Amino acid sequence: MAKWTIRQYQRGLLYDRGRFVELLPPGRYRYWPWQAKQIDVVDIRETSQTVEGQEILTSDKIGIRVTLIAQYRVIDPVKARHEVENHVSQLYQDLQLTLRESVTGQTLEQLMNARDALSSGIQAEVAPRALKYGVELSRVGVKDIVLPGAVRSVFLQEMEAELKGRANLVAARHEVAAARTRANTARMLQENPHLARMQELELLASLASKSGNVIVIPGLERLFAREASPPTPASPEKP
């Protein structure tokens, strides 16, 4: 007696003398040899497919190595067994060919600036094909792009120069803002001379609040002398 166990994450395709009969849910099944029945088990869990290290020439004739990762699952076990010989191998070939077509149609700069667009474009191209043989493509992503040594050094130099330019631009903006602030302050002090004196008094008050500080106020002796001197009598008016 032939025995099959279909687990929760699997589905079974029942064949009677080579002819498909039905799709079996999880469970245990037994058939006598004279019944000539066979069960083909298909895994329906989500899994990943890696297209590793594909050497491709871009449109500007630069050789790069691209690694692609795709996540998928079988949603129609019948199609996955009947439409293609091996759905895993077929998905790998579809991803590989689409990746090559996408990379060869773009320049290296376009690829480096739009990696997400490359991934989404491949998924949009392959997903409808995969549905025809019962596979749902849920996600596609570019794992890495390996550049030749000379090209990598050029990109690093460009990136370093760009970062330095951004830093210099930010510093220049801060300097301009500080200069404008100082100019506005000078204009306010020129229009209101008493503001400078008020700032001096506030600074002296803050210094005097700390113990051990000796505060010297210039011009204070003239103020005391003016208060101590008697008022000058008014001269009598002549008739």
C-alpha atoms as a PDB file:
ATOM      1  CA  MET A   1       0.000   0.000   0.000  1.00  0.00           C
ATOM      2  CA  ALA A   2       1.349   3.434  -0.992  1.00  0.00           C
ATOM      3  CA  LYS A   3       1.120   6.160   1.639  1.00  0.00           C
ATOM      4  CA  TRP A   4       1.387   9.945   1.274  1.00  0.00           C
ATOM      5  CA  THR A   5       1.341  12.695   3.904  1.00  0.00           C
ATOM      6  CA  ILE A   6       0.457  16.183   2.716  1.00  0.00           C
ATOM      7  CA  ARG A   7       1.430  18.782   5.297  1.00  0.00           C
ATOM      8  CA  GLN A   8      -0.321  22.059   6.052  1.00  0.00           C
ATOM      9  CA  TYR A   9       2.039  24.063   3.832  1.00  0.00           C
ATOM     10  CA  GLN A  10       1.651  21.651   0.914  1.00  0.00           C
ATOM     11  CA  ARG A  11      -0.949  20.635  -1.637  1.00  0.00           C
ATOM     12  CA  GLY A  12      -1.242  17.328  -3.451  1.00  0.00           C
ATOM     13  CA  LEU A  13      -2.051  16.635  -7.082  1.00  0.00           C
ATOM     14  CA  LEU A  14      -3.795  13.292  -7.480  1.00  0.00           C
ATOM     15  CA  TYR A  15      -3.202  11.351 -10.723  1.00  0.00           C
ATOM     16  CA  ASP A  16      -5.050   8.233 -11.785  1.00  0.00           C
ATOM     17  CA  ARG A  17      -3.101   6.288 -14.406  1.00  0.00           C
ATOM     18  CA  GLY A  18      -1.293   9.472 -15.368  1.00  0.00           C
ATOM     19  CA  ARG A  19      -4.435  11.596 -15.622  1.00  0.00           C
ATOM     20  CA  PHE A  20      -4.948  14.495 -13.226  1.00  0.00           C
ATOM     21  CA  VAL A  21      -7.981  13.976 -10.984  1.00  0.00           C
ATOM     22  CA  GLU A  22      -8.091  16.615  -8.243  1.00  0.00           C
ATOM     23  CA  LEU A  23      -6.150  18.856  -5.890  1.00  0.00           C
ATOM     24  CA  LEU A  24      -5.837  17.308  -2.437  1.00  0.00           C
ATOM     25  CA  PRO A  25      -5.798  19.301   0.840  1.00  0.00           C
ATOM     26  CA  PRO A  26      -3.418  18.472   3.739  1.00  0.00           C
ATOM     27  CA  GLY A  27      -3.852  15.016   5.228  1.00  0.00           C
ATOM     28  CA  ARG A  28      -2.813  11.342   4.962  1.00  0.00           C
ATOM     29  CA  TYR A  29      -3.701   9.257   1.930  1.00  0.00           C
ATOM     30  CA  ARG A  30      -3.373   5.562   1.124  1.00  0.00           C
ATOM     31  CA  TYR A  31      -3.847   3.742  -2.152  1.00  0.00           C
ATOM     32  CA  TRP A  32      -3.401   0.150  -3.192  1.00  0.00           C
ATOM     33  CA  PRO A  33      -0.853  -0.505  -5.907  1.00  0.00           C
ATOM     34  CA  TRP A  34      -3.479  -1.954  -8.216  1.00  0.00           C
ATOM     35  CA  GLN A  35      -5.316   1.399  -8.134  1.00  0.00           C
ATOM     36  CA  ALA A  36      -2.422   2.985 -10.126  1.00  0.00           C
ATOM     37  CA  LYS A  37      -2.728   6.326  -8.338  1.00  0.00           C
ATOM     38  CA  GLN A  38       0.046   8.812  -7.708  1.00  0.00           C
ATOM     39  CA  ILE A  39       0.250  12.021  -5.629  1.00  0.00           C
ATOM     40  CA  ASP A  40       2.582  14.881  -6.556  1.00  0.00           C
ATOM     41  CA  VAL A  41       3.230  17.192  -3.586  1.00  0.00           C
ATOM     42  CA  VAL A  42       3.748  20.949  -4.147  1.00  0.00           C
ATOM     43  CA  ASP A  43       5.068  23.383  -1.512  1.00  0.00           C
ATOM     44  CA  ILE A  44       3.022  26.605  -1.343  1.00  0.00           C
ATOM     45  CA  ARG A  45       5.158  28.509   1.186  1.00  0.00           C
ATOM     46  CA  GLU A  46       6.801  31.775   0.258  1.00  0.00           C
ATOM     47  CA  THR A  47      10.413  31.323  -0.725  1.00  0.00           C
ATOM     48  CA  SER A  48      13.192  33.304  -2.376  1.00  0.00           C
ATOM     49  CA  GLN A  49      15.093  33.006  -5.604  1.00  0.00           C
ATOM     50  CA  THR A  50      18.573  34.502  -6.020  1.00  0.00           C
ATOM     51  CA  VAL A  51      20.053  35.404  -9.380  1.00  0.00           C
ATOM     52  CA  GLU A  52      23.691  35.792  -8.390  1.00  0.00           C
ATOM     53  CA  GLY A  53      26.565  37.660  -9.973  1.00  0.00           C
ATOM     54  CA  GLN A  54      25.266  38.257 -13.458  1.00  0.00           C
ATOM     55  CA  GLU A  55      27.980  39.898 -15.584  1.00  0.00           C
ATOM     56  CA  ILE A  56      26.231  42.433 -17.805  1.00  0.00           C
ATOM     57  CA  LEU A  57      27.342  45.276 -20.051  1.00  0.00           C
ATOM     58  CA  THR A  58      25.499  48.565 -19.651  1.00  0.00           C
ATOM     59  CA  SER A  59      24.536  50.728 -22.610  1.00  0.00           C
ATOM     60  CA  ASP A  60      27.760  52.730 -22.151  1.00  0.00           C
ATOM     61  CA  LYS A  61      29.836  49.506 -22.373  1.00  0.00           C
ATOM     62  CA  ILE A  62      30.790  49.126 -18.701  1.00  0.00           C
ATOM     63  CA  GLY A  63      30.817  45.600 -17.317  1.00  0.00           C
ATOM     64  CA  ILE A  64      29.109  45.167 -13.941  1.00  0.00           C
ATOM     65  CA  ARG A  65      27.963  42.264 -11.766  1.00  0.00           C
ATOM     66  CA  VAL A  66      24.398  42.398 -10.476  1.00  0.00           C
ATOM     67  CA  THR A  67      22.795  40.137  -7.870  1.00  0.00           C
ATOM     68  CA  LEU A  68      18.994  39.962  -7.777  1.00  0.00           C
ATOM     69  CA  ILE A  69      16.701  38.510  -5.113  1.00  0.00           C
ATOM     70  CA  ALA A  70      13.031  37.644  -5.686  1.00  0.00           C
ATOM     71  CA  GLN A  71      10.383  36.432  -3.232  1.00  0.00           C
ATOM     72  CA  TYR A  72       7.553  34.302  -4.547  1.00  0.00           C
ATOM     73  CA  ARG A  73       5.082  31.537  -3.720  1.00  0.00           C
ATOM     74  CA  VAL A  74       2.970  29.041  -5.635  1.00  0.00           C
ATOM     75  CA  ILE A  75      -0.678  30.096  -5.689  1.00  0.00           C
ATOM     76  CA  ASP A  76      -1.873  27.564  -8.277  1.00  0.00           C
ATOM     77  CA  PRO A  77      -0.183  24.156  -7.843  1.00  0.00           C
ATOM     78  CA  VAL A  78      -1.937  22.751 -10.889  1.00  0.00           C
ATOM     79  CA  LYS A  79      -0.495  25.390 -13.221  1.00  0.00           C
ATOM     80  CA  ALA A  80       2.896  25.164 -11.526  1.00  0.00           C
ATOM     81  CA  ARG A  81       3.075  21.467 -12.484  1.00  0.00           C
ATOM     82  CA  HIS A  82       1.263  21.481 -15.815  1.00  0.00           C
ATOM     83  CA  GLU A  83       2.225  24.750 -17.557  1.00  0.00           C
ATOM     84  CA  VAL A  84       6.023  24.495 -17.195  1.00  0.00           C
ATOM     85  CA  GLU A  85       8.464  21.669 -16.597  1.00  0.00           C
ATOM     86  CA  ASN A  86       9.922  23.258 -13.460  1.00  0.00           C
ATOM     87  CA  HIS A  87       8.443  26.478 -12.118  1.00  0.00           C
ATOM     88  CA  VAL A  88      11.564  27.302 -10.038  1.00  0.00           C
ATOM     89  CA  SER A  89      13.877  27.028 -13.032  1.00  0.00           C
ATOM     90  CA  GLN A  90      11.422  28.919 -15.233  1.00  0.00           C
ATOM     91  CA  LEU A  91      11.205  31.805 -12.762  1.00  0.00           C
ATOM     92  CA  TYR A  92      15.006  31.943 -12.548  1.00  0.00           C
ATOM     93  CA  GLN A  93      15.316  32.213 -16.318  1.00  0.00           C
ATOM     94  CA  ASP A  94      12.630  34.897 -16.538  1.00  0.00           C
ATOM     95  CA  LEU A  95      14.360  36.967 -13.873  1.00  0.00           C
ATOM     96  CA  GLN A  96      17.770  36.492 -15.474  1.00  0.00           C
ATOM     97  CA  LEU A  97      16.669  37.493 -18.972  1.00  0.00           C
ATOM     98  CA  THR A  98      14.657  40.483 -17.758  1.00  0.00           C
ATOM     99  CA  LEU A  99      17.575  41.667 -15.625  1.00  0.00           C
ATOM    100  CA  ARG A 100      19.917  41.556 -18.625  1.00  0.00           C
ATOM    101  CA  GLU A 101      17.459  43.405 -20.845  1.00  0.00           C
ATOM    102  CA  SER A 102      16.916  46.092 -18.207  1.00  0.00           C
ATOM    103  CA  VAL A 103      20.614  46.662 -17.492  1.00  0.00           C
ATOM    104  CA  THR A 104      21.761  46.712 -21.117  1.00  0.00           C
ATOM    105  CA  GLY A 105      19.192  49.413 -21.879  1.00  0.00           C
ATOM    106  CA  GLN A 106      20.563  51.883 -19.306  1.00  0.00           C
ATOM    107  CA  THR A 107      23.790  53.673 -18.564  1.00  0.00           C
ATOM    108  CA  LEU A 108      25.777  53.037 -15.405  1.00  0.00           C
ATOM    109  CA  GLU A 109      24.836  56.425 -13.973  1.00  0.00           C
ATOM    110  CA  GLN A 110      21.141  55.712 -14.529  1.00  0.00           C
ATOM    111  CA  LEU A 111      21.448  52.353 -12.779  1.00  0.00           C
ATOM    112  CA  MET A 112      23.272  53.790  -9.769  1.00  0.00           C
ATOM    113  CA  ASN A 113      20.776  56.627  -9.384  1.00  0.00           C
ATOM    114  CA  ALA A 114      17.653  54.462  -9.795  1.00  0.00           C
ATOM    115  CA  ARG A 115      18.188  51.025  -8.265  1.00  0.00           C
ATOM    116  CA  ASP A 116      14.612  50.956  -6.960  1.00  0.00           C
ATOM    117  CA  ALA A 117      13.316  51.706 -10.439  1.00  0.00           C
ATOM    118  CA  LEU A 118      15.311  48.754 -11.797  1.00  0.00           C
ATOM    119  CA  SER A 119      13.791  46.416  -9.191  1.00  0.00           C
ATOM    120  CA  SER A 120      10.230  47.609  -9.738  1.00  0.00           C
ATOM    121  CA  GLY A 121      10.653  47.406 -13.509  1.00  0.00           C
ATOM    122  CA  ILE A 122      11.827  43.798 -13.340  1.00  0.00           C
ATOM    123  CA  GLN A 123       8.948  42.853 -11.051  1.00  0.00           C
ATOM    124  CA  ALA A 124       6.397  44.537 -13.324  1.00  0.00           C
ATOM    125  CA  GLU A 125       7.839  42.634 -16.295  1.00  0.00           C
ATOM    126  CA  VAL A 126       8.160  39.171 -14.738  1.00  0.00           C
ATOM    127  CA  ALA A 127       5.079  39.054 -12.477  1.00  0.00           C
ATOM    128  CA  PRO A 128       2.496  38.633 -15.289  1.00  0.00           C
ATOM    129  CA  ARG A 129       4.575  35.836 -16.851  1.00  0.00           C
ATOM    130  CA  ALA A 130       4.911  34.049 -13.505  1.00  0.00           C
ATOM    131  CA  LEU A 131       1.149  34.109 -12.957  1.00  0.00           C
ATOM    132  CA  LYS A 132       0.707  32.064 -16.123  1.00  0.00           C
ATOM    133  CA  TYR A 133       2.432  29.113 -14.435  1.00  0.00           C
ATOM    134  CA  GLY A 134       0.863  29.628 -11.009  1.00  0.00           C
ATOM    135  CA  VAL A 135       3.556  31.661  -9.257  1.00  0.00           C
ATOM    136  CA  GLU A 136       2.949  34.970  -7.474  1.00  0.00           C
ATOM    137  CA  LEU A 137       5.981  37.256  -7.478  1.00  0.00           C
ATOM    138  CA  SER A 138       5.655  39.415  -4.355  1.00  0.00           C
ATOM    139  CA  ARG A 139       8.973  41.281  -4.305  1.00  0.00           C
ATOM    140  CA  VAL A 140      12.095  41.835  -6.381  1.00  0.00           C
ATOM    141  CA  GLY A 141      15.185  43.678  -5.171  1.00  0.00           C
ATOM    142  CA  VAL A 142      18.724  44.383  -6.340  1.00  0.00           C
ATOM    143  CA  LYS A 143      21.012  43.020  -3.645  1.00  0.00           C
ATOM    144  CA  ASP A 144      24.213  44.611  -4.903  1.00  0.00           C
ATOM    145  CA  ILE A 145      25.934  46.036  -7.967  1.00  0.00           C
ATOM    146  CA  VAL A 146      29.655  45.318  -8.200  1.00  0.00           C
ATOM    147  CA  LEU A 147      31.639  47.800 -10.298  1.00  0.00           C
ATOM    148  CA  PRO A 148      35.095  47.345 -11.859  1.00  0.00           C
ATOM    149  CA  GLY A 149      37.977  48.672  -9.758  1.00  0.00           C
ATOM    150  CA  ALA A 150      38.747  51.707 -11.921  1.00  0.00           C
ATOM    151  CA  VAL A 151      35.090  52.693 -12.184  1.00  0.00           C
ATOM    152  CA  ARG A 152      34.617  52.278  -8.435  1.00  0.00           C
ATOM    153  CA  SER A 153      37.504  54.634  -7.665  1.00  0.00           C
ATOM    154  CA  VAL A 154      36.094  57.257 -10.042  1.00  0.00           C
ATOM    155  CA  PHE A 155      32.677  57.032  -8.372  1.00  0.00           C
ATOM    156  CA  LEU A 156      34.232  57.375  -4.930  1.00  0.00           C
ATOM    157  CA  GLN A 157      36.114  60.487  -6.028  1.00  0.00           C
ATOM    158  CA  GLU A 158      32.955  62.010  -7.476  1.00  0.00           C
ATOM    159  CA  MET A 159      31.018  61.218  -4.314  1.00  0.00           C
ATOM    160  CA  GLU A 160      33.734  62.729  -2.121  1.00  0.00           C
ATOM    161  CA  ALA A 161      33.810  65.885  -4.245  1.00  0.00           C
ATOM    162  CA  GLU A 162      30.038  66.155  -4.098  1.00  0.00           C
ATOM    163  CA  LEU A 163      30.003  65.791  -0.312  1.00  0.00           C
ATOM    164  CA  LYS A 164      32.702  68.454   0.048  1.00  0.00           C
ATOM    165  CA  GLY A 165      30.748  70.780  -2.223  1.00  0.00           C
ATOM    166  CA  ARG A 166      27.615  70.304  -0.130  1.00  0.00           C
ATOM    167  CA  ALA A 167      29.564  70.989   3.078  1.00  0.00           C
ATOM    168  CA  ASN A 168      31.084  74.177   1.627  1.00  0.00           C
ATOM    169  CA  LEU A 169      27.672  75.330   0.457  1.00  0.00           C
ATOM    170  CA  VAL A 170      26.160  74.812   3.904  1.00  0.00           C
ATOM    171  CA  ALA A 171      29.078  76.658   5.546  1.00  0.00           C
ATOM    172  CA  ALA A 172      28.706  79.565   3.117  1.00  0.00           C
ATOM    173  CA  ARG A 173      24.999  79.789   3.880  1.00  0.00           C
ATOM    174  CA  HIS A 174      25.706  79.932   7.610  1.00  0.00           C
ATOM    175  CA  GLU A 175      28.319  82.634   7.094  1.00  0.00           C
ATOM    176  CA  VAL A 176      25.907  84.736   5.032  1.00  0.00           C
ATOM    177  CA  ALA A 177      23.212  84.339   7.683  1.00  0.00           C
ATOM    178  CA  ALA A 178      25.648  85.349  10.447  1.00  0.00           C
ATOM    179  CA  ALA A 179      26.796  88.402   8.448  1.00  0.00           C
ATOM    180  CA  ARG A 180      23.215  89.485   7.920  1.00  0.00           C
ATOM    181  CA  THR A 181      22.525  89.113  11.633  1.00  0.00           C
ATOM    182  CA  ARG A 182      25.555  91.222  12.545  1.00  0.00           C
ATOM    183  CA  ALA A 183      24.573  93.879   9.995  1.00  0.00           C
ATOM    184  CA  ASN A 184      21.030  94.031  11.393  1.00  0.00           C
ATOM    185  CA  THR A 185      22.391  94.334  14.943  1.00  0.00           C
ATOM    186  CA  ALA A 186      24.756  97.148  13.963  1.00  0.00           C
ATOM    187  CA  ARG A 187      21.955  99.015  12.250  1.00  0.00           C
ATOM    188  CA  MET A 188      19.706  98.678  15.308  1.00  0.00           C
ATOM    189  CA  LEU A 189      22.473  99.952  17.617  1.00  0.00           C
ATOM    190  CA  GLN A 190      23.130 102.888  15.329  1.00  0.00           C
ATOM    191  CA  GLU A 191      19.474 103.840  15.282  1.00  0.00           C
ATOM    192  CA  ASN A 192      19.060 103.282  19.063  1.00  0.00           C
ATOM    193  CA  PRO A 193      22.269 104.151  20.985  1.00  0.00           C
ATOM    194  CA  HIS A 194      20.642 103.341  24.332  1.00  0.00           C
ATOM    195  CA  LEU A 195      20.451  99.643  23.391  1.00  0.00           C
ATOM    196  CA  ALA A 196      24.231  99.328  23.639  1.00  0.00           C
ATOM    197  CA  ARG A 197      24.222 100.909  27.095  1.00  0.00           C
ATOM    198  CA  MET A 198      21.437  98.545  28.205  1.00  0.00           C
ATOM    199  CA  GLN A 199      23.455  95.569  27.012  1.00  0.00           C
ATOM    200  CA  GLU A 200      26.472  96.829  28.974  1.00  0.00           C
ATOM    201  CA  LEU A 201      24.417  97.163  32.135  1.00  0.00           C
ATOM    202  CA  GLU A 202      22.929  93.665  31.705  1.00  0.00           C
ATOM    203  CA  LEU A 203      26.414  92.233  31.264  1.00  0.00           C
ATOM    204  CA  LEU A 204      27.679  94.069  34.344  1.00  0.00           C
ATOM    205  CA  ALA A 205      24.733  92.821  36.365  1.00  0.00           C
ATOM    206  CA  SER A 206      25.409  89.228  35.357  1.00  0.00           C
ATOM    207  CA  LEU A 207      29.105  89.584  36.236  1.00  0.00           C
ATOM    208  CA  ALA A 208      28.337  91.232  39.557  1.00  0.00           C
ATOM    209  CA  SER A 209      26.113  88.328  40.574  1.00  0.00           C
ATOM    210  CA  LYS A 210      29.162  86.060  40.707  1.00  0.00           C
ATOM    211  CA  SER A 211      31.243  86.143  43.870  1.00  0.00           C
ATOM    212  CA  GLY A 212      34.823  87.387  43.683  1.00  0.00           C
ATOM    213  CA  ASN A 213      34.304  89.683  40.706  1.00  0.00           C
ATOM    214  CA  VAL A 214      35.288  93.343  40.926  1.00  0.00           C
ATOM    215  CA  ILE A 215      33.323  95.582  38.590  1.00  0.00           C
ATOM    216  CA  VAL A 216      34.818  98.894  37.416  1.00  0.00           C
ATOM    217  CA  ILE A 217      32.355 101.240  35.770  1.00  0.00           C
ATOM    218  CA  PRO A 218      34.103 103.951  33.738  1.00  0.00           C
ATOM    219  CA  GLY A 219      32.831 107.502  34.123  1.00  0.00           C
ATOM    220  CA  LEU A 220      31.211 106.820  37.497  1.00  0.00           C
ATOM    221  CA  GLU A 221      33.361 109.477  39.304  1.00  0.00           C
ATOM    222  CA  ARG A 222      31.961 112.212  37.104  1.00  0.00           C
ATOM    223  CA  LEU A 223      28.464 111.192  38.069  1.00  0.00           C
ATOM    224  CA  PHE A 224      29.319 111.353  41.821  1.00  0.00           C
ATOM    225  CA  ALA A 225      31.087 114.733  41.435  1.00  0.00           C
ATOM    226  CA  ARG A 226      28.079 116.196  39.692  1.00  0.00           C
ATOM    227  CA  GLU A 227      25.756 115.030  42.469  1.00  0.00           C
ATOM    228  CA  ALA A 228      28.086 116.308  45.306  1.00  0.00           C
ATOM    229  CA  SER A 229      28.687 119.842  43.951  1.00  0.00           C
ATOM    230  CA  PRO A 230      26.203 122.520  45.169  1.00  0.00           C
ATOM    231  CA  PRO A 231      23.907 124.017  42.637  1.00  0.00           C
ATOM    232  CA  THR A 232      25.169 127.252  41.055  1.00  0.00           C
ATOM    233  CA  PRO A 233      23.084 130.280  42.252  1.00  0.00           C
ATOM    234  CA  ALA A 234      21.283 132.111  39.593  1.00  0.00           C
ATOM    235  CA  SER A 235      22.628 135.587  38.842  1.00  0.00           C
ATOM    236  CA  PRO A 236      20.256 138.438  39.735  1.00  0.00           C
ATOM    237  CA  GLU A 237      18.546 140.070  36.960  1.00  0.00           C
ATOM    238  CA  LYS A 238      19.507 143.600  36.248  1.00  0.00           C
ATOM    239  CA  PRO A 239      16.717 146.147  36.216  1.00  0.00           C
END
